[in-house]
Amino acid sequence: MCLAIPGMIVEVLGENSDLALVDVLGVRRKVDLGLLLDEHPTAGDWVLIHVGFAMSKISEADAKDQLRLLTELGEQQAAIEEVQGYGVDFLVGENGRGG
């Protein structure tokens, strides 16, 4: 299944980096911000992620609504698996969880 999943930027990785550490339902991964550099994403911003790329910034309210809907539809685990599938090289901490 192809999902655009909301995640919160925890940290932009370096001053000149296109990468950020993003939290999606407790799973943390490095995500490419290259498509959003004109929007200057920062820690605390919410983004929609697809296959390891942040596609757009969204409001916290919209992000929480989408996460709630994923949970209600029983798609929370699919969202987690989608994020985990971004690749071993994007792994942050043990089992993709921060730490």
N, C-alpha and C. Protein backbone atom coordinates (compact mmCIF):
# COMPACT_ATOMS: atom_id res chain seq x y z
N MET A 1 0.85 -1.17 0.00
CA MET A 1 0.00 0.00 0.00
C MET A 1 0.89 1.24 0.00
N CYS A 2 0.54 2.23 -0.79
CA CYS A 2 1.30 3.48 -0.82
C CYS A 2 0.58 4.51 0.04
N LEU A 3 1.26 4.95 1.07
CA LEU A 3 0.67 5.90 1.99
C LEU A 3 1.50 7.17 2.06
N ALA A 4 0.86 8.29 2.25
CA ALA A 4 1.53 9.51 2.68
C ALA A 4 1.21 9.60 4.16
N ILE A 5 2.25 9.55 4.96
CA ILE A 5 2.08 9.40 6.40
C ILE A 5 2.56 10.67 7.11
N PRO A 6 1.76 11.18 8.06
CA PRO A 6 2.21 12.35 8.81
C PRO A 6 3.29 11.99 9.82
N GLY A 7 4.27 12.85 9.93
CA GLY A 7 5.33 12.69 10.92
C GLY A 7 5.79 14.05 11.40
N MET A 8 6.31 14.08 12.62
CA MET A 8 6.80 15.33 13.18
C MET A 8 8.32 15.38 13.12
N ILE A 9 8.84 16.48 12.63
CA ILE A 9 10.29 16.66 12.58
C ILE A 9 10.80 16.82 14.01
N VAL A 10 11.71 15.94 14.39
CA VAL A 10 12.32 15.98 15.71
C VAL A 10 13.58 16.85 15.65
N GLU A 11 14.32 16.72 14.56
CA GLU A 11 15.58 17.44 14.43
C GLU A 11 15.97 17.53 12.95
N VAL A 12 16.38 18.72 12.52
CA VAL A 12 16.99 18.85 11.21
C VAL A 12 18.46 18.52 11.41
N LEU A 13 18.97 17.61 10.59
CA LEU A 13 20.31 17.06 10.81
C LEU A 13 21.38 17.89 10.10
N GLY A 14 21.88 18.89 10.78
CA GLY A 14 22.95 19.73 10.24
C GLY A 14 22.41 20.97 9.57
N GLU A 15 23.23 22.03 9.57
CA GLU A 15 22.82 23.31 9.00
C GLU A 15 22.50 23.23 7.52
N ASN A 16 23.33 22.54 6.77
CA ASN A 16 23.16 22.49 5.31
C ASN A 16 22.64 21.14 4.85
N SER A 17 21.94 20.45 5.71
CA SER A 17 21.47 19.11 5.40
C SER A 17 20.04 19.15 4.87
N ASP A 18 19.77 18.24 3.95
CA ASP A 18 18.41 18.04 3.46
C ASP A 18 17.70 16.96 4.26
N LEU A 19 18.33 16.45 5.31
CA LEU A 19 17.78 15.35 6.09
C LEU A 19 17.27 15.82 7.44
N ALA A 20 16.23 15.13 7.92
CA ALA A 20 15.71 15.40 9.25
C ALA A 20 15.36 14.08 9.91
N LEU A 21 15.41 14.07 11.22
CA LEU A 21 14.92 12.95 12.00
C LEU A 21 13.44 13.22 12.24
N VAL A 22 12.59 12.30 11.81
CA VAL A 22 11.14 12.47 11.89
C VAL A 22 10.54 11.31 12.67
N ASP A 23 9.57 11.64 13.53
CA ASP A 23 8.88 10.64 14.34
C ASP A 23 7.50 10.36 13.74
N VAL A 24 7.26 9.09 13.44
CA VAL A 24 5.96 8.64 12.94
C VAL A 24 5.48 7.54 13.87
N LEU A 25 4.49 7.84 14.70
CA LEU A 25 3.91 6.85 15.59
C LEU A 25 4.97 6.15 16.43
N GLY A 26 5.97 6.90 16.89
CA GLY A 26 7.01 6.34 17.74
C GLY A 26 8.19 5.74 16.99
N VAL A 27 8.10 5.63 15.68
CA VAL A 27 9.21 5.13 14.87
C VAL A 27 9.93 6.35 14.30
N ARG A 28 11.24 6.38 14.49
CA ARG A 28 12.02 7.52 14.00
C ARG A 28 12.90 7.10 12.84
N ARG A 29 12.86 7.93 11.80
CA ARG A 29 13.65 7.68 10.60
C ARG A 29 14.19 8.99 10.08
N LYS A 30 15.27 8.88 9.32
CA LYS A 30 15.76 10.03 8.58
C LYS A 30 14.89 10.18 7.34
N VAL A 31 14.48 11.41 7.09
CA VAL A 31 13.61 11.71 5.95
C VAL A 31 14.25 12.84 5.15
N ASP A 32 14.16 12.76 3.85
CA ASP A 32 14.72 13.77 2.96
C ASP A 32 13.77 14.97 2.88
N LEU A 33 14.27 16.16 3.20
CA LEU A 33 13.48 17.39 3.16
C LEU A 33 13.69 18.18 1.88
N GLY A 34 14.44 17.63 0.95
CA GLY A 34 14.83 18.35 -0.26
C GLY A 34 13.69 19.00 -1.03
N LEU A 35 12.51 18.42 -0.99
CA LEU A 35 11.37 18.98 -1.72
C LEU A 35 10.73 20.16 -0.99
N LEU A 36 11.13 20.38 0.26
CA LEU A 36 10.50 21.42 1.09
C LEU A 36 11.45 22.53 1.51
N LEU A 37 12.63 22.58 0.95
CA LEU A 37 13.62 23.54 1.42
C LEU A 37 13.14 24.99 1.33
N ASP A 38 12.31 25.30 0.35
CA ASP A 38 11.75 26.66 0.23
C ASP A 38 10.83 27.00 1.40
N GLU A 39 10.30 25.97 2.08
CA GLU A 39 9.39 26.18 3.20
C GLU A 39 10.11 26.20 4.55
N HIS A 40 11.43 25.99 4.54
CA HIS A 40 12.27 26.04 5.74
C HIS A 40 11.70 25.20 6.89
N PRO A 41 11.56 23.89 6.70
CA PRO A 41 11.05 23.04 7.78
C PRO A 41 11.99 23.04 8.98
N THR A 42 11.42 23.03 10.17
CA THR A 42 12.20 23.03 11.41
C THR A 42 11.62 22.01 12.38
N ALA A 43 12.36 21.76 13.46
CA ALA A 43 11.89 20.85 14.50
C ALA A 43 10.52 21.31 14.99
N GLY A 44 9.61 20.36 15.14
CA GLY A 44 8.25 20.65 15.58
C GLY A 44 7.26 20.74 14.45
N ASP A 45 7.74 20.93 13.21
CA ASP A 45 6.85 20.96 12.06
C ASP A 45 6.35 19.56 11.74
N TRP A 46 5.16 19.49 11.20
CA TRP A 46 4.59 18.22 10.73
C TRP A 46 4.68 18.18 9.22
N VAL A 47 5.02 17.00 8.70
CA VAL A 47 5.14 16.81 7.26
C VAL A 47 4.44 15.53 6.84
N LEU A 48 4.03 15.48 5.59
CA LEU A 48 3.52 14.25 4.99
C LEU A 48 4.69 13.57 4.30
N ILE A 49 4.88 12.29 4.60
CA ILE A 49 6.04 11.55 4.12
C ILE A 49 5.58 10.43 3.20
N HIS A 50 6.33 10.27 2.11
CA HIS A 50 6.08 9.15 1.20
C HIS A 50 7.45 8.62 0.75
N VAL A 51 7.68 7.35 0.93
CA VAL A 51 8.91 6.64 0.58
C VAL A 51 10.18 7.41 0.96
N GLY A 52 10.18 7.96 2.17
CA GLY A 52 11.37 8.59 2.69
C GLY A 52 11.55 10.06 2.35
N PHE A 53 10.57 10.65 1.65
CA PHE A 53 10.64 12.06 1.29
C PHE A 53 9.48 12.81 1.93
N ALA A 54 9.79 13.97 2.51
CA ALA A 54 8.73 14.85 3.01
C ALA A 54 8.14 15.54 1.79
N MET A 55 6.85 15.36 1.57
CA MET A 55 6.18 15.88 0.38
C MET A 55 5.56 17.25 0.60
N SER A 56 5.08 17.51 1.83
CA SER A 56 4.47 18.81 2.14
C SER A 56 4.41 18.99 3.65
N LYS A 57 4.36 20.26 4.06
CA LYS A 57 4.15 20.57 5.46
C LYS A 57 2.64 20.60 5.70
N ILE A 58 2.23 20.15 6.89
CA ILE A 58 0.82 20.19 7.26
C ILE A 58 0.71 20.69 8.70
N SER A 59 -0.49 21.07 9.08
CA SER A 59 -0.70 21.55 10.44
C SER A 59 -0.70 20.37 11.42
N GLU A 60 -0.44 20.66 12.67
CA GLU A 60 -0.49 19.62 13.70
C GLU A 60 -1.89 19.03 13.79
N ALA A 61 -2.91 19.87 13.69
CA ALA A 61 -4.30 19.39 13.76
C ALA A 61 -4.59 18.42 12.62
N ASP A 62 -4.16 18.76 11.40
CA ASP A 62 -4.37 17.86 10.26
C ASP A 62 -3.60 16.56 10.44
N ALA A 63 -2.37 16.65 10.95
CA ALA A 63 -1.56 15.46 11.18
C ALA A 63 -2.24 14.53 12.18
N LYS A 64 -2.71 15.09 13.27
CA LYS A 64 -3.36 14.27 14.30
C LYS A 64 -4.66 13.67 13.78
N ASP A 65 -5.41 14.41 12.97
CA ASP A 65 -6.63 13.87 12.37
C ASP A 65 -6.30 12.69 11.46
N GLN A 66 -5.25 12.83 10.66
CA GLN A 66 -4.87 11.75 9.75
C GLN A 66 -4.37 10.52 10.52
N LEU A 67 -3.60 10.75 11.58
CA LEU A 67 -3.14 9.62 12.39
C LEU A 67 -4.31 8.93 13.08
N ARG A 68 -5.27 9.71 13.57
CA ARG A 68 -6.46 9.14 14.20
C ARG A 68 -7.24 8.31 13.18
N LEU A 69 -7.37 8.82 11.96
CA LEU A 69 -8.09 8.10 10.92
C LEU A 69 -7.37 6.80 10.56
N LEU A 70 -6.04 6.84 10.45
CA LEU A 70 -5.28 5.62 10.18
C LEU A 70 -5.55 4.57 11.26
N THR A 71 -5.59 5.01 12.51
CA THR A 71 -5.84 4.10 13.62
C THR A 71 -7.25 3.53 13.54
N GLU A 72 -8.24 4.40 13.29
CA GLU A 72 -9.64 3.94 13.19
C GLU A 72 -9.84 2.94 12.05
N LEU A 73 -9.10 3.13 10.96
CA LEU A 73 -9.23 2.24 9.82
C LEU A 73 -8.39 0.97 9.96
N GLY A 74 -7.66 0.89 11.08
CA GLY A 74 -6.82 -0.28 11.30
C GLY A 74 -5.56 -0.26 10.46
N GLU A 75 -5.15 0.91 10.00
CA GLU A 75 -3.99 1.03 9.13
C GLU A 75 -2.76 1.54 9.87
N GLN A 76 -2.83 1.66 11.19
CA GLN A 76 -1.69 2.16 11.97
C GLN A 76 -0.47 1.27 11.76
N GLN A 77 -0.64 -0.03 11.81
CA GLN A 77 0.49 -0.95 11.63
C GLN A 77 1.04 -0.85 10.21
N ALA A 78 0.18 -0.68 9.22
CA ALA A 78 0.65 -0.52 7.84
C ALA A 78 1.49 0.74 7.71
N ALA A 79 1.09 1.80 8.41
CA ALA A 79 1.86 3.05 8.38
C ALA A 79 3.23 2.84 9.01
N ILE A 80 3.28 2.12 10.12
CA ILE A 80 4.56 1.84 10.79
C ILE A 80 5.45 1.00 9.87
N GLU A 81 4.86 -0.01 9.23
CA GLU A 81 5.64 -0.86 8.32
C GLU A 81 6.15 -0.06 7.12
N GLU A 82 5.35 0.88 6.64
CA GLU A 82 5.77 1.74 5.53
C GLU A 82 7.01 2.54 5.94
N VAL A 83 6.98 3.13 7.12
CA VAL A 83 8.11 3.92 7.60
C VAL A 83 9.32 3.03 7.82
N GLN A 84 9.12 1.86 8.40
CA GLN A 84 10.24 0.95 8.64
C GLN A 84 10.85 0.47 7.33
N GLY A 85 10.07 0.45 6.28
CA GLY A 85 10.54 -0.02 4.98
C GLY A 85 11.37 0.99 4.21
N TYR A 86 11.65 2.14 4.80
CA TYR A 86 12.43 3.16 4.09
C TYR A 86 13.87 2.73 3.86
N GLY A 87 14.30 1.68 4.52
CA GLY A 87 15.65 1.17 4.28
C GLY A 87 16.49 1.14 5.54
N VAL A 88 17.33 0.14 5.61
CA VAL A 88 18.18 -0.05 6.78
C VAL A 88 19.10 1.15 6.97
N ASP A 89 19.53 1.79 5.89
CA ASP A 89 20.45 2.92 6.02
C ASP A 89 19.78 4.13 6.66
N PHE A 90 18.46 4.13 6.76
CA PHE A 90 17.75 5.22 7.42
C PHE A 90 17.43 4.90 8.87
N LEU A 91 17.81 3.71 9.32
CA LEU A 91 17.48 3.25 10.66
C LEU A 91 18.10 4.17 11.72
N VAL A 92 17.30 4.52 12.72
CA VAL A 92 17.76 5.35 13.82
C VAL A 92 17.51 4.60 15.11
N GLY A 93 18.56 4.19 15.79
CA GLY A 93 18.38 3.46 17.05
C GLY A 93 17.94 2.03 16.78
N GLU A 94 17.84 1.28 17.84
CA GLU A 94 17.44 -0.12 17.73
C GLU A 94 15.99 -0.23 17.30
N ASN A 95 15.74 -1.05 16.29
CA ASN A 95 14.40 -1.27 15.75
C ASN A 95 13.75 -0.01 15.24
N GLY A 96 14.56 1.00 14.88
CA GLY A 96 13.99 2.21 14.32
C GLY A 96 13.38 3.14 15.33
N ARG A 97 13.53 2.82 16.58
CA ARG A 97 12.98 3.69 17.63
C ARG A 97 14.11 4.56 18.14
N GLY A 98 13.77 5.78 18.43
CA GLY A 98 14.79 6.73 18.88
C GLY A 98 15.53 6.22 20.10
N GLY A 99 16.79 6.62 20.21
CA GLY A 99 17.50 6.22 21.41
C GLY A 99 18.90 5.86 21.18
